[in-house]
N, C-alpha and C. Protein backbone atom coordinates (compact mmCIF):
# COMPACT_ATOMS: atom_id res chain seq x y z
N UNK A 1 -8.32 9.12 4.32
CA UNK A 1 -8.01 8.12 4.95
C UNK A 1 -9.24 7.46 5.72
N UNK A 2 -9.75 8.53 6.43
CA UNK A 2 -10.84 8.30 7.02
C UNK A 2 -11.94 7.21 6.21
N UNK A 3 -12.27 7.75 5.26
CA UNK A 3 -13.43 7.19 4.15
C UNK A 3 -13.05 5.44 4.41
N UNK A 4 -11.37 5.45 4.30
CA UNK A 4 -11.00 3.98 4.16
C UNK A 4 -10.88 3.35 5.49
N UNK A 5 -11.40 3.68 6.26
CA UNK A 5 -11.51 3.50 7.57
C UNK A 5 -9.94 3.01 8.04
N UNK A 6 -8.97 3.71 7.48
CA UNK A 6 -7.74 3.59 8.00
C UNK A 6 -7.04 3.81 9.40
N UNK A 7 -6.44 2.91 9.86
CA UNK A 7 -5.85 3.04 11.28
C UNK A 7 -4.27 2.85 11.56
N UNK A 8 -3.82 2.81 12.47
CA UNK A 8 -2.23 2.56 12.68
C UNK A 8 -2.11 1.17 12.77
N UNK A 9 -3.22 0.24 12.63
CA UNK A 9 -2.92 -1.21 12.78
C UNK A 9 -2.92 -1.73 11.17
N UNK A 10 -3.03 -1.08 10.34
CA UNK A 10 -2.95 -1.29 9.10
C UNK A 10 -1.61 -1.85 8.46
N UNK A 11 -1.19 -2.26 7.45
CA UNK A 11 0.12 -2.71 6.91
C UNK A 11 0.27 -1.32 6.10
N UNK A 12 1.54 -1.70 5.68
CA UNK A 12 2.51 -0.29 5.11
C UNK A 12 1.75 -0.25 3.61
N UNK A 13 1.87 -1.25 3.30
CA UNK A 13 1.18 -1.23 1.78
C UNK A 13 -0.15 -0.37 1.56
N UNK A 14 -1.28 -0.93 2.69
CA UNK A 14 -2.18 -0.13 2.80
C UNK A 14 -2.65 1.31 2.97
N UNK A 15 -1.34 1.64 3.94
CA UNK A 15 -0.87 2.86 4.14
C UNK A 15 -0.67 3.83 3.03
N UNK A 16 0.11 3.25 2.49
CA UNK A 16 0.82 3.95 1.08
C UNK A 16 -0.37 3.95 -0.11
N UNK A 17 -1.19 2.98 -0.27
CA UNK A 17 -2.44 3.13 -1.22
C UNK A 17 -3.34 3.81 -1.05
N UNK A 18 -3.88 4.15 0.53
CA UNK A 18 -4.63 5.11 1.18
C UNK A 18 -4.43 6.34 0.71
N UNK A 19 -2.93 7.06 1.18
CA UNK A 19 -2.54 8.22 1.13
C UNK A 19 -2.59 8.66 -0.53
N UNK A 20 -1.86 7.75 -1.58
CA UNK A 20 -2.16 7.81 -2.63
C UNK A 20 -3.24 7.99 -3.07
N UNK A 21 -4.31 7.27 -2.61
CA UNK A 21 -5.57 7.01 -3.54
C UNK A 21 -6.58 8.54 -3.29
N UNK A 22 -6.05 9.06 -1.88
CA UNK A 22 -6.60 10.43 -1.26
C UNK A 22 -6.04 11.47 -2.33
N UNK A 23 -4.96 11.28 -2.46
CA UNK A 23 -4.22 12.48 -3.52
C UNK A 23 -4.81 12.39 -4.96
N UNK A 24 -5.18 11.36 -5.38
CA UNK A 24 -5.19 10.96 -6.84
C UNK A 24 -6.63 11.33 -6.86
N UNK A 25 -7.47 11.23 -5.74
CA UNK A 25 -9.24 11.50 -5.67
C UNK A 25 -9.22 13.30 -5.63
N UNK A 26 -7.98 13.98 -5.11
CA UNK A 26 -7.98 15.44 -5.12
C UNK A 26 -7.74 15.88 -6.13
N UNK A 27 -7.02 15.04 -7.20
CA UNK A 27 -6.52 15.88 -8.30
C UNK A 27 -7.98 16.23 -9.42
N UNK A 28 -9.11 15.64 -8.92
CA UNK A 28 -10.34 16.07 -9.81
C UNK A 28 -10.58 17.20 -8.86
N UNK A 29 -10.38 17.63 -8.02
CA UNK A 29 -10.83 19.24 -7.59
C UNK A 29 -9.68 20.22 -8.35
N UNK A 30 -10.48 21.44 -8.63
CA UNK A 30 -9.67 22.55 -9.52
C UNK A 30 -8.75 22.69 -8.38
N UNK A 31 -7.30 23.22 -9.08
CA UNK A 31 -6.58 23.56 -8.15
C UNK A 31 -5.05 22.61 -7.71
N UNK A 32 -5.46 21.39 -7.97
CA UNK A 32 -4.90 20.40 -7.62
C UNK A 32 -3.88 19.92 -8.62
N UNK A 33 -2.67 19.63 -8.50
CA UNK A 33 -1.86 19.48 -9.49
C UNK A 33 -1.77 17.80 -9.75
N UNK A 34 -1.39 17.56 -10.91
CA UNK A 34 -1.21 16.20 -11.31
C UNK A 34 0.32 15.38 -10.48
N UNK A 35 1.02 16.25 -10.51
CA UNK A 35 2.73 15.62 -10.07
C UNK A 35 2.48 15.37 -8.38
N UNK A 36 2.94 14.06 -8.05
CA UNK A 36 2.76 13.41 -6.99
C UNK A 36 4.27 12.84 -6.38
N UNK A 37 4.40 13.13 -5.13
CA UNK A 37 5.84 12.45 -4.40
C UNK A 37 5.42 11.46 -3.07
N UNK A 38 5.75 10.62 -3.10
CA UNK A 38 5.72 9.76 -2.00
C UNK A 38 7.05 9.59 -1.44
N UNK A 39 7.20 10.06 -0.03
CA UNK A 39 8.16 9.89 0.92
C UNK A 39 7.67 9.11 2.15
N UNK A 40 8.27 7.79 2.33
CA UNK A 40 7.93 7.10 3.58
C UNK A 40 9.14 7.07 4.41
N UNK A 41 8.56 7.77 5.69
CA UNK A 41 9.84 8.12 6.54
C UNK A 41 9.60 7.11 8.02
N UNK A 42 10.45 6.99 8.85
CA UNK A 42 10.24 6.32 9.92
C UNK A 42 11.21 6.87 10.97
N UNK A 43 11.22 6.34 12.43
CA UNK A 43 12.02 7.02 13.17
C UNK A 43 13.33 6.34 13.07
N UNK A 44 14.29 7.42 13.10
CA UNK A 44 15.78 7.03 12.93
C UNK A 44 16.30 5.91 13.65
N UNK A 45 16.91 5.26 13.26
CA UNK A 45 17.60 3.79 13.54
C UNK A 45 18.90 4.05 13.62
N UNK A 46 19.81 3.18 14.03
CA UNK A 46 21.41 3.06 13.97
C UNK A 46 21.88 3.34 12.59
N UNK A 47 21.25 2.52 11.85
CA UNK A 47 21.69 2.61 10.77
C UNK A 47 21.19 3.75 9.58
N UNK A 48 20.69 4.51 10.21
CA UNK A 48 20.11 6.06 9.15
C UNK A 48 21.47 6.93 9.78
N UNK A 49 21.58 7.71 8.54
CA UNK A 49 22.76 8.91 8.91
C UNK A 49 21.96 9.97 9.67
N UNK A 50 22.96 10.53 10.25
CA UNK A 50 22.43 11.82 11.02
C UNK A 50 21.90 13.09 10.53
N UNK A 51 22.69 12.90 8.92
CA UNK A 51 22.40 13.84 8.01
C UNK A 51 21.70 13.81 7.04
N UNK A 52 20.81 12.68 7.22
CA UNK A 52 19.94 12.74 6.31
C UNK A 52 18.59 12.08 6.76
N UNK A 53 17.34 12.63 6.12
CA UNK A 53 15.97 12.22 6.90
C UNK A 53 15.94 10.69 6.68
N UNK A 54 15.67 10.04 7.66
CA UNK A 54 15.31 8.32 7.65
C UNK A 54 13.94 8.24 6.92
N UNK A 55 14.40 7.68 5.66
CA UNK A 55 13.08 7.22 4.88
C UNK A 55 13.33 7.26 3.36
N UNK A 56 12.72 6.89 2.61
CA UNK A 56 12.72 6.56 1.10
C UNK A 56 11.66 6.92 0.36
N UNK A 57 11.86 7.69 -0.79
CA UNK A 57 10.96 7.87 -1.85
C UNK A 57 10.47 6.76 -2.71
N UNK A 58 9.15 7.08 -2.95
CA UNK A 58 8.62 6.20 -3.86
C UNK A 58 9.04 6.77 -5.35
N UNK A 59 9.54 5.71 -6.20
CA UNK A 59 9.64 6.25 -7.70
C UNK A 59 8.61 6.70 -8.09
N UNK A 60 8.78 7.35 -9.25
CA UNK A 60 7.97 7.91 -10.08
C UNK A 60 7.40 6.81 -10.91
N UNK A 61 7.97 5.80 -11.64
CA UNK A 61 7.52 4.92 -12.09
C UNK A 61 6.25 4.14 -11.17
N UNK A 62 6.61 3.72 -9.76
CA UNK A 62 5.93 2.96 -9.06
C UNK A 62 4.67 3.73 -8.41
N UNK A 63 4.81 5.28 -8.41
CA UNK A 63 3.54 5.74 -8.35
C UNK A 63 2.68 5.72 -9.53
N UNK A 64 3.12 5.91 -10.81
CA UNK A 64 2.07 5.62 -11.80
C UNK A 64 1.89 4.41 -11.89
N UNK A 65 2.56 3.22 -11.28
CA UNK A 65 1.76 1.94 -10.99
C UNK A 65 0.48 2.04 -9.92
N UNK A 66 0.81 2.65 -8.82
CA UNK A 66 -0.33 2.95 -7.95
C UNK A 66 -1.43 3.89 -8.88
N UNK A 67 -1.27 4.90 -9.28
CA UNK A 67 -2.41 5.58 -10.26
C UNK A 67 -3.51 4.12 -11.17
N UNK A 68 -2.24 3.66 -11.75
CA UNK A 68 -2.84 2.83 -12.60
C UNK A 68 -3.82 1.72 -11.99
N UNK A 69 -3.49 1.18 -10.96
CA UNK A 69 -4.41 0.44 -9.95
C UNK A 69 -5.54 1.29 -9.44
N UNK A 70 -5.02 2.39 -8.91
CA UNK A 70 -6.40 3.32 -8.51
C UNK A 70 -7.33 3.40 -9.40
N UNK A 71 -7.04 3.66 -10.93
CA UNK A 71 -7.73 3.71 -12.29
C UNK A 71 -8.75 2.66 -12.24
N UNK A 72 -7.63 1.45 -12.42
CA UNK A 72 -8.64 0.21 -12.50
C UNK A 72 -9.31 -0.32 -11.39
N UNK A 73 -9.17 -0.42 -10.22
CA UNK A 73 -10.07 -1.05 -9.37
C UNK A 73 -9.89 -0.42 -8.04
N UNK A 74 -9.58 0.62 -7.72
CA UNK A 74 -9.15 1.12 -6.46
C UNK A 74 -10.28 2.30 -5.71
N UNK A 75 -10.94 2.55 -6.66
CA UNK A 75 -11.66 4.01 -6.09
C UNK A 75 -12.65 3.54 -5.09
N UNK A 76 -12.51 4.03 -3.92
CA UNK A 76 -11.32 4.11 -3.40
C UNK A 76 -10.48 3.24 -2.29
N UNK A 77 -11.26 1.85 -2.62
CA UNK A 77 -11.05 0.83 -1.88
C UNK A 77 -9.52 -0.07 -2.18
N UNK A 78 -8.69 -0.34 -1.23
CA UNK A 78 -7.37 -1.12 -1.51
C UNK A 78 -7.86 -2.37 -2.12
N UNK A 79 -7.30 -2.62 -3.47
CA UNK A 79 -7.84 -3.83 -4.29
C UNK A 79 -7.13 -4.98 -4.04
N UNK A 80 -7.79 -5.96 -3.49
CA UNK A 80 -7.33 -7.54 -3.39
C UNK A 80 -6.54 -8.07 -4.39
N UNK A 81 -7.45 -7.40 -5.88
CA UNK A 81 -6.63 -8.33 -6.86
C UNK A 81 -5.25 -7.64 -7.51
N UNK A 82 -4.85 -6.27 -6.96
CA UNK A 82 -3.52 -5.75 -7.13
C UNK A 82 -2.54 -5.73 -5.97
N UNK A 83 -3.06 -6.46 -4.94
CA UNK A 83 -2.41 -6.01 -3.62
C UNK A 83 -0.74 -6.52 -3.72
N UNK A 84 -0.53 -7.67 -4.37
CA UNK A 84 0.93 -7.95 -4.39
C UNK A 84 2.04 -7.03 -5.20
N UNK A 85 1.01 -6.14 -6.04
CA UNK A 85 1.82 -4.88 -7.24
C UNK A 85 2.00 -4.16 -5.83
N UNK A 86 1.21 -3.63 -4.92
CA UNK A 86 1.47 -2.88 -3.67
C UNK A 86 2.46 -3.46 -2.82
N UNK A 87 2.74 -4.84 -2.76
CA UNK A 87 3.79 -5.16 -1.80
C UNK A 87 5.08 -5.06 -2.64
N UNK A 88 5.08 -5.24 -4.04
CA UNK A 88 6.48 -5.18 -4.70
C UNK A 88 6.69 -3.59 -4.92
N UNK A 89 5.73 -2.60 -5.17
CA UNK A 89 6.55 -1.05 -5.01
C UNK A 89 6.86 -0.99 -3.86
N UNK A 90 6.41 -1.41 -2.48
CA UNK A 90 6.82 -0.84 -1.21
C UNK A 90 8.54 -1.75 -1.03
N UNK A 91 8.98 -2.79 -1.60
CA UNK A 91 10.10 -3.58 -1.55
C UNK A 91 11.06 -2.73 -2.74
N UNK A 92 10.09 -2.23 -3.88
CA UNK A 92 11.14 -1.25 -4.82
C UNK A 92 11.88 -0.13 -4.04
N UNK A 93 10.91 0.02 -3.31
CA UNK A 93 11.53 1.31 -2.28
C UNK A 93 12.75 1.16 -1.71
N UNK A 94 12.93 0.00 -1.32
CA UNK A 94 14.08 -0.58 -0.56
C UNK A 94 13.70 0.13 1.27
N UNK A 95 12.32 -0.17 1.61
CA UNK A 95 11.79 0.07 2.90
C UNK A 95 12.45 -0.91 3.57
N UNK A 96 13.31 -0.92 4.64
CA UNK A 96 13.99 -1.80 5.30
C UNK A 96 12.74 -2.42 6.36
N UNK A 97 13.00 -3.94 6.23
CA UNK A 97 12.06 -4.73 6.69
C UNK A 97 11.66 -4.46 8.20
N UNK A 98 12.41 -3.88 9.10
CA UNK A 98 12.48 -3.46 10.55
C UNK A 98 11.24 -2.35 10.43
N UNK A 99 11.23 -1.47 9.83
CA UNK A 99 10.49 -0.34 9.79
C UNK A 99 9.18 -0.62 9.12
N UNK A 100 8.68 -1.78 8.42
CA UNK A 100 7.51 -2.20 7.58
C UNK A 100 6.42 -2.33 8.92
N UNK A 101 5.37 -2.43 8.52
CA UNK A 101 4.33 -3.15 9.27
C UNK A 101 4.75 -3.88 10.52
N UNK A 102 4.17 -3.62 11.56
CA UNK A 102 4.27 -4.70 12.92
C UNK A 102 3.11 -5.94 12.73
N UNK A 103 4.15 -6.86 13.29
CA UNK A 103 3.65 -8.06 13.32
C UNK A 103 2.13 -8.26 13.89
N UNK A 104 1.17 -8.68 12.78
CA UNK A 104 -0.36 -8.24 13.38
C UNK A 104 -1.02 -7.11 12.66
N UNK A 105 -0.18 -6.37 11.89
CA UNK A 105 -1.12 -5.41 10.97
C UNK A 105 -1.96 -6.38 9.88
N UNK A 106 -3.04 -5.78 9.66
CA UNK A 106 -3.88 -6.24 9.16
C UNK A 106 -4.21 -5.74 7.79
N UNK A 107 -4.44 -6.67 6.74
CA UNK A 107 -4.69 -5.71 5.32
C UNK A 107 -6.20 -6.15 5.03
N UNK A 108 -7.02 -5.10 4.82
CA UNK A 108 -8.56 -5.76 4.48
C UNK A 108 -8.38 -6.28 2.90
N UNK A 109 -7.43 -5.83 2.06
CA UNK A 109 -7.33 -6.57 0.74
C UNK A 109 -7.12 -7.92 0.82
N UNK A 110 -6.10 -7.93 1.75
CA UNK A 110 -5.52 -9.65 1.47
C UNK A 110 -6.58 -10.39 2.35
N UNK A 111 -7.17 -10.02 3.37
CA UNK A 111 -8.25 -11.23 3.93
C UNK A 111 -9.11 -11.44 2.56
N UNK A 112 -9.76 -10.05 1.92
CA UNK A 112 -10.80 -10.40 1.00
C UNK A 112 -10.39 -11.38 -0.26
N UNK A 113 -8.90 -11.14 -0.63
CA UNK A 113 -8.39 -12.08 -1.33
C UNK A 113 -8.53 -13.63 -0.98
N UNK A 114 -8.25 -13.58 0.64
CA UNK A 114 -8.13 -14.78 1.17
C UNK A 114 -9.52 -15.47 1.22
N UNK A 115 -10.56 -14.76 1.04
CA UNK A 115 -11.93 -15.30 1.10
C UNK A 115 -12.35 -15.76 -0.15
N UNK A 116 -11.82 -14.83 -1.08
CA UNK A 116 -12.08 -15.41 -2.81
C UNK A 116 -11.45 -16.75 -2.53
N UNK A 117 -10.36 -17.00 -2.31
CA UNK A 117 -9.50 -18.25 -2.62
C UNK A 117 -10.45 -19.14 -1.85
N UNK A 118 -11.01 -19.04 -0.59
CA UNK A 118 -11.97 -19.98 -0.35
C UNK A 118 -13.18 -20.40 -0.96
N UNK A 119 -13.87 -19.12 -1.34
CA UNK A 119 -14.76 -19.67 -2.05
C UNK A 119 -14.74 -20.18 -3.49
N UNK A 120 -13.66 -20.20 -3.84
CA UNK A 120 -13.02 -20.89 -5.07
C UNK A 120 -12.76 -22.57 -4.84
N UNK A 121 -12.37 -22.60 -3.71
CA UNK A 121 -12.24 -24.18 -3.18
C UNK A 121 -12.95 -25.25 -4.15
N UNK A 122 -12.36 -26.41 -4.65
CA UNK A 122 -13.16 -27.00 -5.57
C UNK A 122 -13.39 -28.30 -4.79
N UNK A 123 -12.33 -28.94 -4.12
CA UNK A 123 -12.41 -30.36 -3.32
C UNK A 123 -11.99 -30.21 -1.66
N UNK A 124 -12.80 -31.16 -0.86
CA UNK A 124 -12.49 -31.11 0.39
C UNK A 124 -10.97 -31.37 0.56
N UNK A 125 -10.41 -30.75 1.71
CA UNK A 125 -8.65 -30.90 1.74
C UNK A 125 -7.90 -30.40 0.81
N UNK A 126 -8.62 -29.79 -0.03
CA UNK A 126 -7.49 -28.79 -0.49
C UNK A 126 -7.09 -27.54 0.01
N UNK A 127 -5.67 -27.39 -0.16
CA UNK A 127 -4.97 -26.40 0.53
C UNK A 127 -4.92 -24.79 -0.42
N UNK A 128 -4.96 -23.87 0.55
CA UNK A 128 -4.73 -22.69 -0.02
C UNK A 128 -3.76 -21.87 0.96
N UNK A 129 -3.20 -20.82 0.58
CA UNK A 129 -2.23 -20.20 1.26
C UNK A 129 -2.69 -18.61 1.21
N UNK A 130 -2.15 -18.10 2.36
CA UNK A 130 -2.53 -16.81 2.88
C UNK A 130 -1.41 -15.83 2.27
């Protein structure tokens, strides 16, 4: 995560990708297994049971998707071209919105995608979305 310049002001998707990328990169070393589990935890809220961990597992099929993204274009940078897939997998994990990234969190991948859109503008006054 240090190599990715990751810090606590980054979005949840960036954090999940950075953790997964670190694991996938570690798999290249002897003795590191290929099985991966990801659990996103958060501070217990009123909606969380006292008898369970406040968190959600990322499903194996979503971890496979993360690995596919990492193989395709991520080693190790968070890929702007597949960022919506990262957003989709965090939503598929049913992580509550109130424990997601705080307002103002940044995503380097989203900024890069936005810059790409700006560079592709053809006519003055043409609109793009972030």
